[in-house]
Amino acid sequence: MIKQMTVKEIDNIGAYIRAARKSKGLTLKQVSTKAGLTESALSKYENGTRVPHYDSLMRILNALEIDLMLMDN
C-alpha cells in the first residue's frame, strides 16, 4: 500500500523516514541498498544531520513504497 505524505511530514523528513522504515521492519542496510545509497547517508538523513536531495529522497521513498504527495493542509 502506498501512503501519502502531508506537508508536516515533509518538514520532519528524517524522522518520517525512520518511522516508516521501522514500521515496515526494515534495517538501514535494507533500505539503503534498495535505494542505492550508503547506510551512512541514510542514517544522516534520518538523524537530521543532512537533508536528502530530491533524487535521493525519491529513491528512499520508493524503497519504502511511499508516494510523495504534497497536500494543502
PDB file of N, CA and C in Angstrom:
ATOM      1  N   MET A   1       0.837  -1.180   0.000  1.00  0.00           N
ATOM      2  CA  MET A   1       0.000   0.000   0.000  1.00  0.00           C
ATOM      3  C   MET A   1       0.888   1.252   0.000  1.00  0.00           C
ATOM      4  N   ILE A   2       0.563   2.203  -0.817  1.00  0.00           N
ATOM      5  CA  ILE A   2       1.290   3.464  -0.909  1.00  0.00           C
ATOM      6  C   ILE A   2       0.662   4.467   0.046  1.00  0.00           C
ATOM      7  N   LYS A   3       1.479   5.093   0.895  1.00  0.00           N
ATOM      8  CA  LYS A   3       0.992   6.098   1.832  1.00  0.00           C
ATOM      9  C   LYS A   3       1.326   7.477   1.293  1.00  0.00           C
ATOM     10  N   GLN A   4       0.401   8.410   1.447  1.00  0.00           N
ATOM     11  CA  GLN A   4       0.645   9.781   1.026  1.00  0.00           C
ATOM     12  C   GLN A   4       1.239  10.565   2.186  1.00  0.00           C
ATOM     13  N   MET A   5       2.172  11.472   1.883  1.00  0.00           N
ATOM     14  CA  MET A   5       2.817  12.295   2.896  1.00  0.00           C
ATOM     15  C   MET A   5       2.160  13.666   2.955  1.00  0.00           C
ATOM     16  N   THR A   6       2.036  14.193   4.168  1.00  0.00           N
ATOM     17  CA  THR A   6       1.499  15.534   4.341  1.00  0.00           C
ATOM     18  C   THR A   6       2.646  16.538   4.364  1.00  0.00           C
ATOM     19  N   VAL A   7       2.318  17.821   4.273  1.00  0.00           N
ATOM     20  CA  VAL A   7       3.328  18.870   4.320  1.00  0.00           C
ATOM     21  C   VAL A   7       4.076  18.817   5.651  1.00  0.00           C
ATOM     22  N   LYS A   8       3.393  18.572   6.743  1.00  0.00           N
ATOM     23  CA  LYS A   8       4.036  18.483   8.054  1.00  0.00           C
ATOM     24  C   LYS A   8       5.085  17.380   8.066  1.00  0.00           C
ATOM     25  N   GLU A   9       4.805  16.267   7.445  1.00  0.00           N
ATOM     26  CA  GLU A   9       5.761  15.169   7.390  1.00  0.00           C
ATOM     27  C   GLU A   9       6.986  15.545   6.566  1.00  0.00           C
ATOM     28  N   ILE A  10       6.807  16.374   5.551  1.00  0.00           N
ATOM     29  CA  ILE A  10       7.939  16.827   4.740  1.00  0.00           C
ATOM     30  C   ILE A  10       8.884  17.660   5.599  1.00  0.00           C
ATOM     31  N   ASP A  11       8.334  18.469   6.502  1.00  0.00           N
ATOM     32  CA  ASP A  11       9.161  19.297   7.381  1.00  0.00           C
ATOM     33  C   ASP A  11      10.042  18.457   8.296  1.00  0.00           C
ATOM     34  N   ASN A  12       9.601  17.269   8.652  1.00  0.00           N
ATOM     35  CA  ASN A  12      10.364  16.364   9.513  1.00  0.00           C
ATOM     36  C   ASN A  12      10.743  15.113   8.737  1.00  0.00           C
ATOM     37  N   ILE A  13      11.302  15.281   7.575  1.00  0.00           N
ATOM     38  CA  ILE A  13      11.517  14.159   6.667  1.00  0.00           C
ATOM     39  C   ILE A  13      12.392  13.065   7.269  1.00  0.00           C
ATOM     40  N   GLY A  14      13.429  13.432   8.017  1.00  0.00           N
ATOM     41  CA  GLY A  14      14.300  12.420   8.606  1.00  0.00           C
ATOM     42  C   GLY A  14      13.563  11.528   9.592  1.00  0.00           C
ATOM     43  N   ALA A  15      12.805  12.156  10.478  1.00  0.00           N
ATOM     44  CA  ALA A  15      12.034  11.389  11.455  1.00  0.00           C
ATOM     45  C   ALA A  15      10.972  10.555  10.749  1.00  0.00           C
ATOM     46  N   TYR A  16      10.396  11.114   9.688  1.00  0.00           N
ATOM     47  CA  TYR A  16       9.382  10.381   8.928  1.00  0.00           C
ATOM     48  C   TYR A  16       9.988   9.146   8.258  1.00  0.00           C
ATOM     49  N   ILE A  17      11.170   9.307   7.664  1.00  0.00           N
ATOM     50  CA  ILE A  17      11.833   8.183   7.002  1.00  0.00           C
ATOM     51  C   ILE A  17      12.122   7.084   8.015  1.00  0.00           C
ATOM     52  N   ARG A  18      12.670   7.468   9.164  1.00  0.00           N
ATOM     53  CA  ARG A  18      12.992   6.483  10.203  1.00  0.00           C
ATOM     54  C   ARG A  18      11.725   5.755  10.680  1.00  0.00           C
ATOM     55  N   ALA A  19      10.672   6.505  10.949  1.00  0.00           N
ATOM     56  CA  ALA A  19       9.433   5.885  11.429  1.00  0.00           C
ATOM     57  C   ALA A  19       8.859   4.927  10.383  1.00  0.00           C
ATOM     58  N   ALA A  20       8.895   5.349   9.123  1.00  0.00           N
ATOM     59  CA  ALA A  20       8.372   4.495   8.051  1.00  0.00           C
ATOM     60  C   ALA A  20       9.205   3.223   7.914  1.00  0.00           C
ATOM     61  N   ARG A  21      10.516   3.379   7.977  1.00  0.00           N
ATOM     62  CA  ARG A  21      11.410   2.219   7.864  1.00  0.00           C
ATOM     63  C   ARG A  21      11.169   1.240   9.001  1.00  0.00           C
ATOM     64  N   LYS A  22      11.097   1.763  10.221  1.00  0.00           N
ATOM     65  CA  LYS A  22      10.897   0.901  11.382  1.00  0.00           C
ATOM     66  C   LYS A  22       9.523   0.247  11.371  1.00  0.00           C
ATOM     67  N   SER A  23       8.508   0.980  10.921  1.00  0.00           N
ATOM     68  CA  SER A  23       7.154   0.418  10.899  1.00  0.00           C
ATOM     69  C   SER A  23       7.059  -0.747   9.923  1.00  0.00           C
ATOM     70  N   LYS A  24       7.944  -0.762   8.931  1.00  0.00           N
ATOM     71  CA  LYS A  24       7.971  -1.850   7.951  1.00  0.00           C
ATOM     72  C   LYS A  24       8.949  -2.951   8.358  1.00  0.00           C
ATOM     73  N   GLY A  25       9.621  -2.762   9.504  1.00  0.00           N
ATOM     74  CA  GLY A  25      10.557  -3.760   9.989  1.00  0.00           C
ATOM     75  C   GLY A  25      11.813  -3.881   9.151  1.00  0.00           C
ATOM     76  N   LEU A  26      12.219  -2.784   8.519  1.00  0.00           N
ATOM     77  CA  LEU A  26      13.391  -2.797   7.642  1.00  0.00           C
ATOM     78  C   LEU A  26      14.600  -2.195   8.345  1.00  0.00           C
ATOM     79  N   THR A  27      15.769  -2.675   7.992  1.00  0.00           N
ATOM     80  CA  THR A  27      17.013  -2.139   8.536  1.00  0.00           C
ATOM     81  C   THR A  27      17.524  -1.013   7.648  1.00  0.00           C
ATOM     82  N   LEU A  28      18.461  -0.246   8.210  1.00  0.00           N
ATOM     83  CA  LEU A  28      19.123   0.787   7.410  1.00  0.00           C
ATOM     84  C   LEU A  28      19.749   0.162   6.173  1.00  0.00           C
ATOM     85  N   LYS A  29      20.385  -0.978   6.357  1.00  0.00           N
ATOM     86  CA  LYS A  29      21.063  -1.640   5.245  1.00  0.00           C
ATOM     87  C   LYS A  29      20.074  -2.024   4.147  1.00  0.00           C
ATOM     88  N   GLN A  30      18.930  -2.573   4.519  1.00  0.00           N
ATOM     89  CA  GLN A  30      17.943  -2.994   3.521  1.00  0.00           C
ATOM     90  C   GLN A  30      17.451  -1.809   2.701  1.00  0.00           C
ATOM     91  N   VAL A  31      17.098  -0.727   3.378  1.00  0.00           N
ATOM     92  CA  VAL A  31      16.556   0.437   2.671  1.00  0.00           C
ATOM     93  C   VAL A  31      17.636   1.131   1.859  1.00  0.00           C
ATOM     94  N   SER A  32      18.814   1.285   2.439  1.00  0.00           N
ATOM     95  CA  SER A  32      19.882   1.965   1.702  1.00  0.00           C
ATOM     96  C   SER A  32      20.284   1.171   0.460  1.00  0.00           C
ATOM     97  N   THR A  33      20.329  -0.143   0.575  1.00  0.00           N
ATOM     98  CA  THR A  33      20.666  -0.973  -0.583  1.00  0.00           C
ATOM     99  C   THR A  33      19.613  -0.839  -1.668  1.00  0.00           C
ATOM    100  N   LYS A  34      18.354  -0.916  -1.278  1.00  0.00           N
ATOM    101  CA  LYS A  34      17.261  -0.808  -2.250  1.00  0.00           C
ATOM    102  C   LYS A  34      17.231   0.579  -2.900  1.00  0.00           C
ATOM    103  N   ALA A  35      17.615   1.605  -2.120  1.00  0.00           N
ATOM    104  CA  ALA A  35      17.594   2.983  -2.629  1.00  0.00           C
ATOM    105  C   ALA A  35      18.889   3.352  -3.354  1.00  0.00           C
ATOM    106  N   GLY A  36      19.904   2.497  -3.273  1.00  0.00           N
ATOM    107  CA  GLY A  36      21.174   2.803  -3.922  1.00  0.00           C
ATOM    108  C   GLY A  36      21.976   3.861  -3.197  1.00  0.00           C
ATOM    109  N   LEU A  37      21.845   3.907  -1.874  1.00  0.00           N
ATOM    110  CA  LEU A  37      22.562   4.871  -1.042  1.00  0.00           C
ATOM    111  C   LEU A  37      23.424   4.127  -0.032  1.00  0.00           C
ATOM    112  N   THR A  38      24.326   4.851   0.613  1.00  0.00           N
ATOM    113  CA  THR A  38      25.100   4.228   1.680  1.00  0.00           C
ATOM    114  C   THR A  38      24.276   4.244   2.968  1.00  0.00           C
ATOM    115  N   GLU A  39      24.583   3.303   3.860  1.00  0.00           N
ATOM    116  CA  GLU A  39      23.921   3.291   5.167  1.00  0.00           C
ATOM    117  C   GLU A  39      24.214   4.592   5.907  1.00  0.00           C
ATOM    118  N   SER A  40      25.433   5.086   5.767  1.00  0.00           N
ATOM    119  CA  SER A  40      25.831   6.322   6.438  1.00  0.00           C
ATOM    120  C   SER A  40      24.964   7.502   5.996  1.00  0.00           C
ATOM    121  N   ALA A  41      24.754   7.619   4.698  1.00  0.00           N
ATOM    122  CA  ALA A  41      23.929   8.721   4.185  1.00  0.00           C
ATOM    123  C   ALA A  41      22.505   8.615   4.714  1.00  0.00           C
ATOM    124  N   LEU A  42      21.926   7.417   4.649  1.00  0.00           N
ATOM    125  CA  LEU A  42      20.551   7.239   5.125  1.00  0.00           C
ATOM    126  C   LEU A  42      20.454   7.547   6.611  1.00  0.00           C
ATOM    127  N   SER A  43      21.437   7.116   7.382  1.00  0.00           N
ATOM    128  CA  SER A  43      21.455   7.395   8.813  1.00  0.00           C
ATOM    129  C   SER A  43      21.494   8.901   9.077  1.00  0.00           C
ATOM    130  N   LYS A  44      22.314   9.619   8.320  1.00  0.00           N
ATOM    131  CA  LYS A  44      22.402  11.075   8.483  1.00  0.00           C
ATOM    132  C   LYS A  44      21.088  11.751   8.111  1.00  0.00           C
ATOM    133  N   TYR A  45      20.414  11.258   7.100  1.00  0.00           N
ATOM    134  CA  TYR A  45      19.100  11.811   6.736  1.00  0.00           C
ATOM    135  C   TYR A  45      18.104  11.578   7.870  1.00  0.00           C
ATOM    136  N   GLU A  46      18.098  10.371   8.403  1.00  0.00           N
ATOM    137  CA  GLU A  46      17.168  10.044   9.485  1.00  0.00           C
ATOM    138  C   GLU A  46      17.443  10.863  10.743  1.00  0.00           C
ATOM    139  N   ASN A  47      18.728  11.102  11.030  1.00  0.00           N
ATOM    140  CA  ASN A  47      19.099  11.865  12.221  1.00  0.00           C
ATOM    141  C   ASN A  47      18.949  13.368  12.041  1.00  0.00           C
ATOM    142  N   GLY A  48      18.714  13.801  10.818  1.00  0.00           N
ATOM    143  CA  GLY A  48      18.541  15.221  10.550  1.00  0.00           C
ATOM    144  C   GLY A  48      19.847  15.987  10.438  1.00  0.00           C
ATOM    145  N   THR A  49      20.977  15.268  10.346  1.00  0.00           N
ATOM    146  CA  THR A  49      22.258  15.969  10.195  1.00  0.00           C
ATOM    147  C   THR A  49      22.531  16.324   8.744  1.00  0.00           C
ATOM    148  N   ARG A  50      21.802  15.690   7.832  1.00  0.00           N
ATOM    149  CA  ARG A  50      21.851  16.028   6.402  1.00  0.00           C
ATOM    150  C   ARG A  50      20.435  15.982   5.860  1.00  0.00           C
ATOM    151  N   VAL A  51      20.203  16.753   4.827  1.00  0.00           N
ATOM    152  CA  VAL A  51      18.906  16.753   4.149  1.00  0.00           C
ATOM    153  C   VAL A  51      19.107  16.118   2.780  1.00  0.00           C
ATOM    154  N   PRO A  52      18.289  15.117   2.442  1.00  0.00           N
ATOM    155  CA  PRO A  52      18.487  14.462   1.142  1.00  0.00           C
ATOM    156  C   PRO A  52      18.109  15.376  -0.016  1.00  0.00           C
ATOM    157  N   HIS A  53      18.877  15.282  -1.089  1.00  0.00           N
ATOM    158  CA  HIS A  53      18.499  15.962  -2.323  1.00  0.00           C
ATOM    159  C   HIS A  53      17.262  15.261  -2.862  1.00  0.00           C
ATOM    160  N   TYR A  54      16.585  15.915  -3.753  1.00  0.00           N
ATOM    161  CA  TYR A  54      15.328  15.400  -4.289  1.00  0.00           C
ATOM    162  C   TYR A  54      15.465  13.976  -4.833  1.00  0.00           C
ATOM    163  N   ASP A  55      16.497  13.711  -5.627  1.00  0.00           N
ATOM    164  CA  ASP A  55      16.636  12.380  -6.226  1.00  0.00           C
ATOM    165  C   ASP A  55      16.872  11.310  -5.163  1.00  0.00           C
ATOM    166  N   SER A  56      17.654  11.628  -4.137  1.00  0.00           N
ATOM    167  CA  SER A  56      17.875  10.670  -3.051  1.00  0.00           C
ATOM    168  C   SER A  56      16.587  10.435  -2.270  1.00  0.00           C
ATOM    169  N   LEU A  57      15.858  11.497  -2.022  1.00  0.00           N
ATOM    170  CA  LEU A  57      14.589  11.373  -1.308  1.00  0.00           C
ATOM    171  C   LEU A  57      13.612  10.491  -2.086  1.00  0.00           C
ATOM    172  N   MET A  58      13.555  10.690  -3.390  1.00  0.00           N
ATOM    173  CA  MET A  58      12.655   9.874  -4.207  1.00  0.00           C
ATOM    174  C   MET A  58      13.054   8.395  -4.158  1.00  0.00           C
ATOM    175  N   ARG A  59      14.352   8.121  -4.180  1.00  0.00           N
ATOM    176  CA  ARG A  59      14.809   6.725  -4.102  1.00  0.00           C
ATOM    177  C   ARG A  59      14.474   6.107  -2.750  1.00  0.00           C
ATOM    178  N   ILE A  60      14.625   6.882  -1.673  1.00  0.00           N
ATOM    179  CA  ILE A  60      14.287   6.384  -0.333  1.00  0.00           C
ATOM    180  C   ILE A  60      12.790   6.100  -0.248  1.00  0.00           C
ATOM    181  N   LEU A  61      11.990   7.057  -0.700  1.00  0.00           N
ATOM    182  CA  LEU A  61      10.535   6.877  -0.631  1.00  0.00           C
ATOM    183  C   LEU A  61      10.087   5.701  -1.491  1.00  0.00           C
ATOM    184  N   ASN A  62      10.695   5.528  -2.650  1.00  0.00           N
ATOM    185  CA  ASN A  62      10.366   4.374  -3.494  1.00  0.00           C
ATOM    186  C   ASN A  62      10.749   3.073  -2.802  1.00  0.00           C
ATOM    187  N   ALA A  63      11.908   3.059  -2.140  1.00  0.00           N
ATOM    188  CA  ALA A  63      12.349   1.868  -1.423  1.00  0.00           C
ATOM    189  C   ALA A  63      11.374   1.520  -0.291  1.00  0.00           C
ATOM    190  N   LEU A  64      10.772   2.553   0.283  1.00  0.00           N
ATOM    191  CA  LEU A  64       9.805   2.349   1.370  1.00  0.00           C
ATOM    192  C   LEU A  64       8.366   2.234   0.857  1.00  0.00           C
ATOM    193  N   GLU A  65       8.198   2.328  -0.463  1.00  0.00           N
ATOM    194  CA  GLU A  65       6.882   2.277  -1.106  1.00  0.00           C
ATOM    195  C   GLU A  65       5.961   3.381  -0.598  1.00  0.00           C
ATOM    196  N   ILE A  66       6.518   4.593  -0.562  1.00  0.00           N
ATOM    197  CA  ILE A  66       5.772   5.777  -0.127  1.00  0.00           C
ATOM    198  C   ILE A  66       5.728   6.757  -1.285  1.00  0.00           C
ATOM    199  N   ASP A  67       4.538   7.291  -1.555  1.00  0.00           N
ATOM    200  CA  ASP A  67       4.349   8.255  -2.636  1.00  0.00           C
ATOM    201  C   ASP A  67       4.436   9.669  -2.056  1.00  0.00           C
ATOM    202  N   LEU A  68       5.280  10.492  -2.632  1.00  0.00           N
ATOM    203  CA  LEU A  68       5.393  11.885  -2.205  1.00  0.00           C
ATOM    204  C   LEU A  68       4.215  12.658  -2.771  1.00  0.00           C
ATOM    205  N   MET A  69       3.299  13.018  -1.905  1.00  0.00           N
ATOM    206  CA  MET A  69       2.103  13.736  -2.337  1.00  0.00           C
ATOM    207  C   MET A  69       1.918  14.914  -1.401  1.00  0.00           C
ATOM    208  N   LEU A  70       2.256  16.109  -1.890  1.00  0.00           N
ATOM    209  CA  LEU A  70       2.077  17.302  -1.077  1.00  0.00           C
ATOM    210  C   LEU A  70       0.604  17.660  -1.007  1.00  0.00           C
ATOM    211  N   MET A  71       0.106  17.759   0.187  1.00  0.00           N
ATOM    212  CA  MET A  71      -1.314  18.040   0.388  1.00  0.00           C
ATOM    213  C   MET A  71      -1.445  19.445   0.960  1.00  0.00           C
ATOM    214  N   ASP A  72      -2.454  20.151   0.587  1.00  0.00           N
ATOM    215  CA  ASP A  72      -2.686  21.530   1.003  1.00  0.00           C
ATOM    216  C   ASP A  72      -3.421  21.578   2.329  1.00  0.00           C
ATOM    217  N   ASN A  73      -2.787  21.130   3.395  1.00  0.00           N
ATOM    218  CA  ASN A  73      -3.412  21.167   4.736  1.00  0.00           C
ATOM    219  C   ASN A  73      -2.568  21.957   5.682  1.00  0.00           C
TER     220      ASN A  73
END
